[in-house]
Amino acid sequence: MTRAMALDHGDQNIRVNCVCPGDTDTPMLREEARQLGEQTDKFLAEAARRPLKRIGRPEDIAQAVLYLASDAASFVTGTALVVDGGGLAGG
């Protein structure tokens, strides 16, 4: 959908991108631990097992969005920006 919308709206100078966050320390992630019956600290420690050795913070995701909304990304469209501390890269 991101790529299709980027193609459809590029001639209007509208950029369309997608941010794909990894595990991020939010109330929703902590609620997931509770619903699964997991200890929150243990659940968050497991989520931090990625190349950058930490769980994401809301600010990490916000910075990615800020970049895509800025002039620094003026030639970026139709892409998915993965912000997951290297989780998809493996580790």
PDB file of N, CA and C in Angstrom:
ATOM      1  N   MET A   1       0.824  -1.177   0.000  1.00  0.00           N
ATOM      2  CA  MET A   1       0.000   0.000   0.000  1.00  0.00           C
ATOM      3  C   MET A   1       0.880   1.256   0.000  1.00  0.00           C
ATOM      4  N   THR A   2       1.966   1.218   0.774  1.00  0.00           N
ATOM      5  CA  THR A   2       2.868   2.372   0.822  1.00  0.00           C
ATOM      6  C   THR A   2       3.425   2.685  -0.561  1.00  0.00           C
ATOM      7  N   ARG A   3       3.893   1.660  -1.247  1.00  0.00           N
ATOM      8  CA  ARG A   3       4.464   1.874  -2.585  1.00  0.00           C
ATOM      9  C   ARG A   3       3.393   2.339  -3.576  1.00  0.00           C
ATOM     10  N   ALA A   4       2.212   1.734  -3.501  1.00  0.00           N
ATOM     11  CA  ALA A   4       1.138   2.121  -4.418  1.00  0.00           C
ATOM     12  C   ALA A   4       0.739   3.575  -4.203  1.00  0.00           C
ATOM     13  N   MET A   5       0.632   3.981  -2.941  1.00  0.00           N
ATOM     14  CA  MET A   5       0.259   5.373  -2.664  1.00  0.00           C
ATOM     15  C   MET A   5       1.376   6.334  -3.081  1.00  0.00           C
ATOM     16  N   ALA A   6       2.636   5.914  -2.907  1.00  0.00           N
ATOM     17  CA  ALA A   6       3.754   6.756  -3.336  1.00  0.00           C
ATOM     18  C   ALA A   6       3.697   6.967  -4.845  1.00  0.00           C
ATOM     19  N   LEU A   7       3.389   5.912  -5.580  1.00  0.00           N
ATOM     20  CA  LEU A   7       3.260   6.031  -7.038  1.00  0.00           C
ATOM     21  C   LEU A   7       2.078   6.918  -7.423  1.00  0.00           C
ATOM     22  N   ASP A   8       0.978   6.745  -6.730  1.00  0.00           N
ATOM     23  CA  ASP A   8      -0.230   7.507  -7.044  1.00  0.00           C
ATOM     24  C   ASP A   8      -0.093   8.995  -6.744  1.00  0.00           C
ATOM     25  N   HIS A   9       0.706   9.355  -5.754  1.00  0.00           N
ATOM     26  CA  HIS A   9       0.724  10.750  -5.301  1.00  0.00           C
ATOM     27  C   HIS A   9       2.058  11.463  -5.501  1.00  0.00           C
ATOM     28  N   GLY A  10       3.020  10.799  -6.116  1.00  0.00           N
ATOM     29  CA  GLY A  10       4.316  11.434  -6.348  1.00  0.00           C
ATOM     30  C   GLY A  10       4.219  12.690  -7.186  1.00  0.00           C
ATOM     31  N   ASP A  11       3.362  12.670  -8.201  1.00  0.00           N
ATOM     32  CA  ASP A  11       3.243  13.850  -9.066  1.00  0.00           C
ATOM     33  C   ASP A  11       2.612  15.040  -8.347  1.00  0.00           C
ATOM     34  N   GLN A  12       2.059  14.804  -7.173  1.00  0.00           N
ATOM     35  CA  GLN A  12       1.513  15.891  -6.348  1.00  0.00           C
ATOM     36  C   GLN A  12       2.526  16.321  -5.280  1.00  0.00           C
ATOM     37  N   ASN A  13       3.745  15.779  -5.396  1.00  0.00           N
ATOM     38  CA  ASN A  13       4.817  16.028  -4.429  1.00  0.00           C
ATOM     39  C   ASN A  13       4.432  15.583  -3.022  1.00  0.00           C
ATOM     40  N   ILE A  14       3.646  14.519  -2.947  1.00  0.00           N
ATOM     41  CA  ILE A  14       3.284  13.917  -1.664  1.00  0.00           C
ATOM     42  C   ILE A  14       4.123  12.658  -1.494  1.00  0.00           C
ATOM     43  N   ARG A  15       4.865  12.614  -0.403  1.00  0.00           N
ATOM     44  CA  ARG A  15       5.691  11.447  -0.097  1.00  0.00           C
ATOM     45  C   ARG A  15       4.928  10.524   0.844  1.00  0.00           C
ATOM     46  N   VAL A  16       5.019   9.234   0.576  1.00  0.00           N
ATOM     47  CA  VAL A  16       4.324   8.238   1.397  1.00  0.00           C
ATOM     48  C   VAL A  16       5.349   7.202   1.835  1.00  0.00           C
ATOM     49  N   ASN A  17       5.504   7.052   3.126  1.00  0.00           N
ATOM     50  CA  ASN A  17       6.447   6.091   3.702  1.00  0.00           C
ATOM     51  C   ASN A  17       5.787   5.387   4.875  1.00  0.00           C
ATOM     52  N   CYS A  18       6.421   4.338   5.330  1.00  0.00           N
ATOM     53  CA  CYS A  18       5.899   3.539   6.432  1.00  0.00           C
ATOM     54  C   CYS A  18       6.997   3.357   7.466  1.00  0.00           C
ATOM     55  N   VAL A  19       6.666   3.508   8.727  1.00  0.00           N
ATOM     56  CA  VAL A  19       7.600   3.236   9.814  1.00  0.00           C
ATOM     57  C   VAL A  19       7.189   1.911  10.440  1.00  0.00           C
ATOM     58  N   CYS A  20       8.154   0.996  10.547  1.00  0.00           N
ATOM     59  CA  CYS A  20       7.910  -0.348  11.093  1.00  0.00           C
ATOM     60  C   CYS A  20       8.689  -0.479  12.404  1.00  0.00           C
ATOM     61  N   PRO A  21       8.054  -0.187  13.524  1.00  0.00           N
ATOM     62  CA  PRO A  21       8.776  -0.235  14.792  1.00  0.00           C
ATOM     63  C   PRO A  21       8.913  -1.665  15.323  1.00  0.00           C
ATOM     64  N   GLY A  22      10.014  -1.887  16.018  1.00  0.00           N
ATOM     65  CA  GLY A  22      10.186  -3.130  16.758  1.00  0.00           C
ATOM     66  C   GLY A  22       9.609  -2.959  18.149  1.00  0.00           C
ATOM     67  N   ASP A  23       9.932  -3.905  19.031  1.00  0.00           N
ATOM     68  CA  ASP A  23       9.445  -3.810  20.408  1.00  0.00           C
ATOM     69  C   ASP A  23       9.886  -2.488  21.019  1.00  0.00           C
ATOM     70  N   THR A  24       8.900  -1.774  21.539  1.00  0.00           N
ATOM     71  CA  THR A  24       9.132  -0.446  22.102  1.00  0.00           C
ATOM     72  C   THR A  24       8.500  -0.401  23.483  1.00  0.00           C
ATOM     73  N   ASP A  25       9.221   0.135  24.449  1.00  0.00           N
ATOM     74  CA  ASP A  25       8.750   0.167  25.836  1.00  0.00           C
ATOM     75  C   ASP A  25       7.599   1.159  25.970  1.00  0.00           C
ATOM     76  N   THR A  26       6.412   0.630  25.803  1.00  0.00           N
ATOM     77  CA  THR A  26       5.182   1.415  25.916  1.00  0.00           C
ATOM     78  C   THR A  26       4.209   0.660  26.828  1.00  0.00           C
ATOM     79  N   PRO A  27       3.172   1.333  27.283  1.00  0.00           N
ATOM     80  CA  PRO A  27       2.157   0.627  28.070  1.00  0.00           C
ATOM     81  C   PRO A  27       1.552  -0.562  27.313  1.00  0.00           C
ATOM     82  N   MET A  28       1.465  -0.465  25.998  1.00  0.00           N
ATOM     83  CA  MET A  28       0.896  -1.564  25.220  1.00  0.00           C
ATOM     84  C   MET A  28       1.790  -2.811  25.294  1.00  0.00           C
ATOM     85  N   LEU A  29       3.107  -2.644  25.236  1.00  0.00           N
ATOM     86  CA  LEU A  29       4.005  -3.786  25.326  1.00  0.00           C
ATOM     87  C   LEU A  29       3.956  -4.394  26.728  1.00  0.00           C
ATOM     88  N   ARG A  30       3.895  -3.547  27.734  1.00  0.00           N
ATOM     89  CA  ARG A  30       3.800  -4.040  29.107  1.00  0.00           C
ATOM     90  C   ARG A  30       2.477  -4.770  29.338  1.00  0.00           C
ATOM     91  N   GLU A  31       1.415  -4.296  28.714  1.00  0.00           N
ATOM     92  CA  GLU A  31       0.125  -4.974  28.802  1.00  0.00           C
ATOM     93  C   GLU A  31       0.178  -6.335  28.117  1.00  0.00           C
ATOM     94  N   GLU A  32       0.920  -6.410  27.019  1.00  0.00           N
ATOM     95  CA  GLU A  32       1.091  -7.697  26.342  1.00  0.00           C
ATOM     96  C   GLU A  32       1.751  -8.709  27.277  1.00  0.00           C
ATOM     97  N   ALA A  33       2.772  -8.271  27.999  1.00  0.00           N
ATOM     98  CA  ALA A  33       3.432  -9.158  28.968  1.00  0.00           C
ATOM     99  C   ALA A  33       2.430  -9.636  30.007  1.00  0.00           C
ATOM    100  N   ARG A  34       1.625  -8.726  30.513  1.00  0.00           N
ATOM    101  CA  ARG A  34       0.629  -9.090  31.523  1.00  0.00           C
ATOM    102  C   ARG A  34      -0.362 -10.103  30.970  1.00  0.00           C
ATOM    103  N   GLN A  35      -0.858  -9.851  29.749  1.00  0.00           N
ATOM    104  CA  GLN A  35      -1.838 -10.752  29.145  1.00  0.00           C
ATOM    105  C   GLN A  35      -1.265 -12.140  28.894  1.00  0.00           C
ATOM    106  N   LEU A  36       0.030 -12.202  28.622  1.00  0.00           N
ATOM    107  CA  LEU A  36       0.682 -13.487  28.391  1.00  0.00           C
ATOM    108  C   LEU A  36       1.091 -14.175  29.690  1.00  0.00           C
ATOM    109  N   GLY A  37       0.876 -13.477  30.812  1.00  0.00           N
ATOM    110  CA  GLY A  37       1.243 -14.039  32.112  1.00  0.00           C
ATOM    111  C   GLY A  37       2.742 -14.034  32.366  1.00  0.00           C
ATOM    112  N   GLU A  38       3.445 -13.163  31.672  1.00  0.00           N
ATOM    113  CA  GLU A  38       4.902 -13.071  31.815  1.00  0.00           C
ATOM    114  C   GLU A  38       5.255 -11.987  32.836  1.00  0.00           C
ATOM    115  N   GLN A  39       6.389 -12.159  33.497  1.00  0.00           N
ATOM    116  CA  GLN A  39       6.904 -11.102  34.352  1.00  0.00           C
ATOM    117  C   GLN A  39       7.394  -9.975  33.449  1.00  0.00           C
ATOM    118  N   THR A  40       6.970  -8.762  33.754  1.00  0.00           N
ATOM    119  CA  THR A  40       7.279  -7.629  32.872  1.00  0.00           C
ATOM    120  C   THR A  40       8.769  -7.464  32.647  1.00  0.00           C
ATOM    121  N   ASP A  41       9.566  -7.509  33.719  1.00  0.00           N
ATOM    122  CA  ASP A  41      11.011  -7.316  33.575  1.00  0.00           C
ATOM    123  C   ASP A  41      11.628  -8.384  32.680  1.00  0.00           C
ATOM    124  N   LYS A  42      11.213  -9.619  32.861  1.00  0.00           N
ATOM    125  CA  LYS A  42      11.738 -10.711  32.043  1.00  0.00           C
ATOM    126  C   LYS A  42      11.309 -10.551  30.581  1.00  0.00           C
ATOM    127  N   PHE A  43      10.061 -10.157  30.386  1.00  0.00           N
ATOM    128  CA  PHE A  43       9.524  -9.952  29.040  1.00  0.00           C
ATOM    129  C   PHE A  43      10.284  -8.845  28.313  1.00  0.00           C
ATOM    130  N   LEU A  44      10.536  -7.733  29.008  1.00  0.00           N
ATOM    131  CA  LEU A  44      11.263  -6.618  28.399  1.00  0.00           C
ATOM    132  C   LEU A  44      12.724  -6.976  28.139  1.00  0.00           C
ATOM    133  N   ALA A  45      13.325  -7.759  29.032  1.00  0.00           N
ATOM    134  CA  ALA A  45      14.708  -8.196  28.822  1.00  0.00           C
ATOM    135  C   ALA A  45      14.801  -9.080  27.579  1.00  0.00           C
ATOM    136  N   GLU A  46      13.837  -9.941  27.382  1.00  0.00           N
ATOM    137  CA  GLU A  46      13.815 -10.788  26.190  1.00  0.00           C
ATOM    138  C   GLU A  46      13.637  -9.930  24.933  1.00  0.00           C
ATOM    139  N   ALA A  47      12.791  -8.911  25.019  1.00  0.00           N
ATOM    140  CA  ALA A  47      12.564  -8.021  23.875  1.00  0.00           C
ATOM    141  C   ALA A  47      13.826  -7.237  23.525  1.00  0.00           C
ATOM    142  N   ALA A  48      14.717  -7.060  24.489  1.00  0.00           N
ATOM    143  CA  ALA A  48      15.951  -6.296  24.272  1.00  0.00           C
ATOM    144  C   ALA A  48      17.054  -7.151  23.647  1.00  0.00           C
ATOM    145  N   ARG A  49      16.783  -8.413  23.385  1.00  0.00           N
ATOM    146  CA  ARG A  49      17.793  -9.281  22.770  1.00  0.00           C
ATOM    147  C   ARG A  49      17.839  -9.034  21.265  1.00  0.00           C
ATOM    148  N   ARG A  50      18.611  -8.053  20.902  1.00  0.00           N
ATOM    149  CA  ARG A  50      18.790  -7.644  19.511  1.00  0.00           C
ATOM    150  C   ARG A  50      20.184  -7.025  19.394  1.00  0.00           C
ATOM    151  N   PRO A  51      20.670  -6.756  18.209  1.00  0.00           N
ATOM    152  CA  PRO A  51      22.031  -6.246  18.079  1.00  0.00           C
ATOM    153  C   PRO A  51      22.346  -4.998  18.907  1.00  0.00           C
ATOM    154  N   LEU A  52      21.407  -4.090  19.067  1.00  0.00           N
ATOM    155  CA  LEU A  52      21.699  -2.883  19.858  1.00  0.00           C
ATOM    156  C   LEU A  52      21.539  -3.097  21.359  1.00  0.00           C
ATOM    157  N   LYS A  53      21.143  -4.300  21.762  1.00  0.00           N
ATOM    158  CA  LYS A  53      21.101  -4.717  23.175  1.00  0.00           C
ATOM    159  C   LYS A  53      20.193  -3.877  24.068  1.00  0.00           C
ATOM    160  N   ARG A  54      19.130  -3.360  23.496  1.00  0.00           N
ATOM    161  CA  ARG A  54      18.159  -2.630  24.313  1.00  0.00           C
ATOM    162  C   ARG A  54      16.810  -2.653  23.628  1.00  0.00           C
ATOM    163  N   ILE A  55      15.800  -2.349  24.392  1.00  0.00           N
ATOM    164  CA  ILE A  55      14.446  -2.224  23.849  1.00  0.00           C
ATOM    165  C   ILE A  55      14.283  -0.808  23.312  1.00  0.00           C
ATOM    166  N   GLY A  56      13.419  -0.647  22.352  1.00  0.00           N
ATOM    167  CA  GLY A  56      13.187   0.677  21.796  1.00  0.00           C
ATOM    168  C   GLY A  56      12.479   1.598  22.779  1.00  0.00           C
ATOM    169  N   ARG A  57      12.679   2.877  22.572  1.00  0.00           N
ATOM    170  CA  ARG A  57      11.971   3.905  23.342  1.00  0.00           C
ATOM    171  C   ARG A  57      11.034   4.629  22.384  1.00  0.00           C
ATOM    172  N   PRO A  58       9.944   5.167  22.879  1.00  0.00           N
ATOM    173  CA  PRO A  58       9.053   5.924  21.995  1.00  0.00           C
ATOM    174  C   PRO A  58       9.796   7.021  21.228  1.00  0.00           C
ATOM    175  N   GLU A  59      10.810   7.615  21.859  1.00  0.00           N
ATOM    176  CA  GLU A  59      11.571   8.675  21.202  1.00  0.00           C
ATOM    177  C   GLU A  59      12.311   8.150  19.968  1.00  0.00           C
ATOM    178  N   ASP A  60      12.725   6.886  20.012  1.00  0.00           N
ATOM    179  CA  ASP A  60      13.413   6.298  18.850  1.00  0.00           C
ATOM    180  C   ASP A  60      12.495   6.279  17.635  1.00  0.00           C
ATOM    181  N   ILE A  61      11.260   5.909  17.859  1.00  0.00           N
ATOM    182  CA  ILE A  61      10.288   5.853  16.769  1.00  0.00           C
ATOM    183  C   ILE A  61       9.948   7.270  16.312  1.00  0.00           C
ATOM    184  N   ALA A  62       9.781   8.171  17.276  1.00  0.00           N
ATOM    185  CA  ALA A  62       9.458   9.560  16.942  1.00  0.00           C
ATOM    186  C   ALA A  62      10.556  10.195  16.096  1.00  0.00           C
ATOM    187  N   GLN A  63      11.816   9.881  16.381  1.00  0.00           N
ATOM    188  CA  GLN A  63      12.924  10.440  15.598  1.00  0.00           C
ATOM    189  C   GLN A  63      12.878   9.957  14.153  1.00  0.00           C
ATOM    190  N   ALA A  64      12.497   8.702  13.958  1.00  0.00           N
ATOM    191  CA  ALA A  64      12.375   8.176  12.590  1.00  0.00           C
ATOM    192  C   ALA A  64      11.263   8.898  11.838  1.00  0.00           C
ATOM    193  N   VAL A  65      10.147   9.110  12.513  1.00  0.00           N
ATOM    194  CA  VAL A  65       9.026   9.834  11.898  1.00  0.00           C
ATOM    195  C   VAL A  65       9.436  11.273  11.594  1.00  0.00           C
ATOM    196  N   LEU A  66      10.130  11.895  12.528  1.00  0.00           N
ATOM    197  CA  LEU A  66      10.599  13.268  12.329  1.00  0.00           C
ATOM    198  C   LEU A  66      11.517  13.355  11.111  1.00  0.00           C
ATOM    199  N   TYR A  67      12.399  12.381  10.966  1.00  0.00           N
ATOM    200  CA  TYR A  67      13.273  12.345   9.789  1.00  0.00           C
ATOM    201  C   TYR A  67      12.443  12.277   8.511  1.00  0.00           C
ATOM    202  N   LEU A  68      11.507  11.354   8.449  1.00  0.00           N
ATOM    203  CA  LEU A  68      10.711  11.195   7.229  1.00  0.00           C
ATOM    204  C   LEU A  68       9.869  12.429   6.921  1.00  0.00           C
ATOM    205  N   ALA A  69       9.475  13.164   7.942  1.00  0.00           N
ATOM    206  CA  ALA A  69       8.674  14.375   7.744  1.00  0.00           C
ATOM    207  C   ALA A  69       9.533  15.594   7.412  1.00  0.00           C
ATOM    208  N   SER A  70      10.852  15.455   7.552  1.00  0.00           N
ATOM    209  CA  SER A  70      11.744  16.604   7.356  1.00  0.00           C
ATOM    210  C   SER A  70      12.207  16.739   5.915  1.00  0.00           C
ATOM    211  N   ASP A  71      12.817  17.880   5.635  1.00  0.00           N
ATOM    212  CA  ASP A  71      13.405  18.121   4.326  1.00  0.00           C
ATOM    213  C   ASP A  71      14.577  17.175   4.049  1.00  0.00           C
ATOM    214  N   ALA A  72      15.180  16.614   5.111  1.00  0.00           N
ATOM    215  CA  ALA A  72      16.287  15.674   4.924  1.00  0.00           C
ATOM    216  C   ALA A  72      15.841  14.423   4.172  1.00  0.00           C
ATOM    217  N   ALA A  73      14.549  14.143   4.190  1.00  0.00           N
ATOM    218  CA  ALA A  73      14.001  12.973   3.498  1.00  0.00           C
ATOM    219  C   ALA A  73      13.193  13.390   2.268  1.00  0.00           C
ATOM    220  N   SER A  74      13.527  14.517   1.685  1.00  0.00           N
ATOM    221  CA  SER A  74      12.721  15.049   0.581  1.00  0.00           C
ATOM    222  C   SER A  74      12.711  14.167  -0.664  1.00  0.00           C
ATOM    223  N   PHE A  75      13.659  13.225  -0.768  1.00  0.00           N
ATOM    224  CA  PHE A  75      13.718  12.339  -1.927  1.00  0.00           C
ATOM    225  C   PHE A  75      13.425  10.893  -1.520  1.00  0.00           C
ATOM    226  N   VAL A  76      12.765  10.726  -0.371  1.00  0.00           N
ATOM    227  CA  VAL A  76      12.428   9.400   0.147  1.00  0.00           C
ATOM    228  C   VAL A  76      10.932   9.215   0.049  1.00  0.00           C
ATOM    229  N   THR A  77      10.522   8.229  -0.717  1.00  0.00           N
ATOM    230  CA  THR A  77       9.101   7.905  -0.808  1.00  0.00           C
ATOM    231  C   THR A  77       8.944   6.440  -1.203  1.00  0.00           C
ATOM    232  N   GLY A  78       7.866   5.858  -0.745  1.00  0.00           N
ATOM    233  CA  GLY A  78       7.561   4.475  -1.094  1.00  0.00           C
ATOM    234  C   GLY A  78       8.378   3.446  -0.341  1.00  0.00           C
ATOM    235  N   THR A  79       8.901   3.817   0.799  1.00  0.00           N
ATOM    236  CA  THR A  79       9.767   2.900   1.534  1.00  0.00           C
ATOM    237  C   THR A  79       9.212   2.576   2.910  1.00  0.00           C
ATOM    238  N   ALA A  80       9.667   1.452   3.443  1.00  0.00           N
ATOM    239  CA  ALA A  80       9.357   1.064   4.821  1.00  0.00           C
ATOM    240  C   ALA A  80      10.640   1.208   5.624  1.00  0.00           C
ATOM    241  N   LEU A  81      10.612   2.040   6.626  1.00  0.00           N
ATOM    242  CA  LEU A  81      11.782   2.272   7.486  1.00  0.00           C
ATOM    243  C   LEU A  81      11.621   1.406   8.728  1.00  0.00           C
ATOM    244  N   VAL A  82      12.475   0.410   8.858  1.00  0.00           N
ATOM    245  CA  VAL A  82      12.435  -0.494   9.998  1.00  0.00           C
ATOM    246  C   VAL A  82      13.246   0.135  11.133  1.00  0.00           C
ATOM    247  N   VAL A  83      12.596   0.316  12.270  1.00  0.00           N
ATOM    248  CA  VAL A  83      13.227   0.927  13.444  1.00  0.00           C
ATOM    249  C   VAL A  83      13.088  -0.084  14.581  1.00  0.00           C
ATOM    250  N   ASP A  84      14.022  -1.042  14.606  1.00  0.00           N
ATOM    251  CA  ASP A  84      13.878  -2.155  15.541  1.00  0.00           C
ATOM    252  C   ASP A  84      15.176  -2.560  16.239  1.00  0.00           C
ATOM    253  N   GLY A  85      16.159  -1.680  16.245  1.00  0.00           N
ATOM    254  CA  GLY A  85      17.399  -1.994  16.925  1.00  0.00           C
ATOM    255  C   GLY A  85      18.169  -3.143  16.305  1.00  0.00           C
ATOM    256  N   GLY A  86      17.870  -3.466  15.078  1.00  0.00           N
ATOM    257  CA  GLY A  86      18.552  -4.542  14.391  1.00  0.00           C
ATOM    258  C   GLY A  86      17.864  -5.899  14.529  1.00  0.00           C
ATOM    259  N   GLY A  87      16.660  -5.905  15.065  1.00  0.00           N
ATOM    260  CA  GLY A  87      15.949  -7.163  15.294  1.00  0.00           C
ATOM    261  C   GLY A  87      15.782  -7.999  14.042  1.00  0.00           C
ATOM    262  N   LEU A  88      15.404  -7.365  12.932  1.00  0.00           N
ATOM    263  CA  LEU A  88      15.230  -8.111  11.684  1.00  0.00           C
ATOM    264  C   LEU A  88      16.563  -8.557  11.095  1.00  0.00           C
ATOM    265  N   ALA A  89      17.636  -7.871  11.463  1.00  0.00           N
ATOM    266  CA  ALA A  89      18.952  -8.247  10.966  1.00  0.00           C
ATOM    267  C   ALA A  89      19.437  -9.552  11.595  1.00  0.00           C
ATOM    268  N   GLY A  90      18.848  -9.882  12.734  1.00  0.00           N
ATOM    269  CA  GLY A  90      19.218 -11.119  13.427  1.00  0.00           C
ATOM    270  C   GLY A  90      20.105 -10.818  14.615  1.00  0.00           C
ATOM    271  N   GLY A  91      20.443 -11.833  15.295  1.00  0.00           N
ATOM    272  CA  GLY A  91      21.306 -11.606  16.445  1.00  0.00           C
ATOM    273  C   GLY A  91      21.170 -12.545  17.498  1.00  0.00           C
TER     274      GLY A  91
END
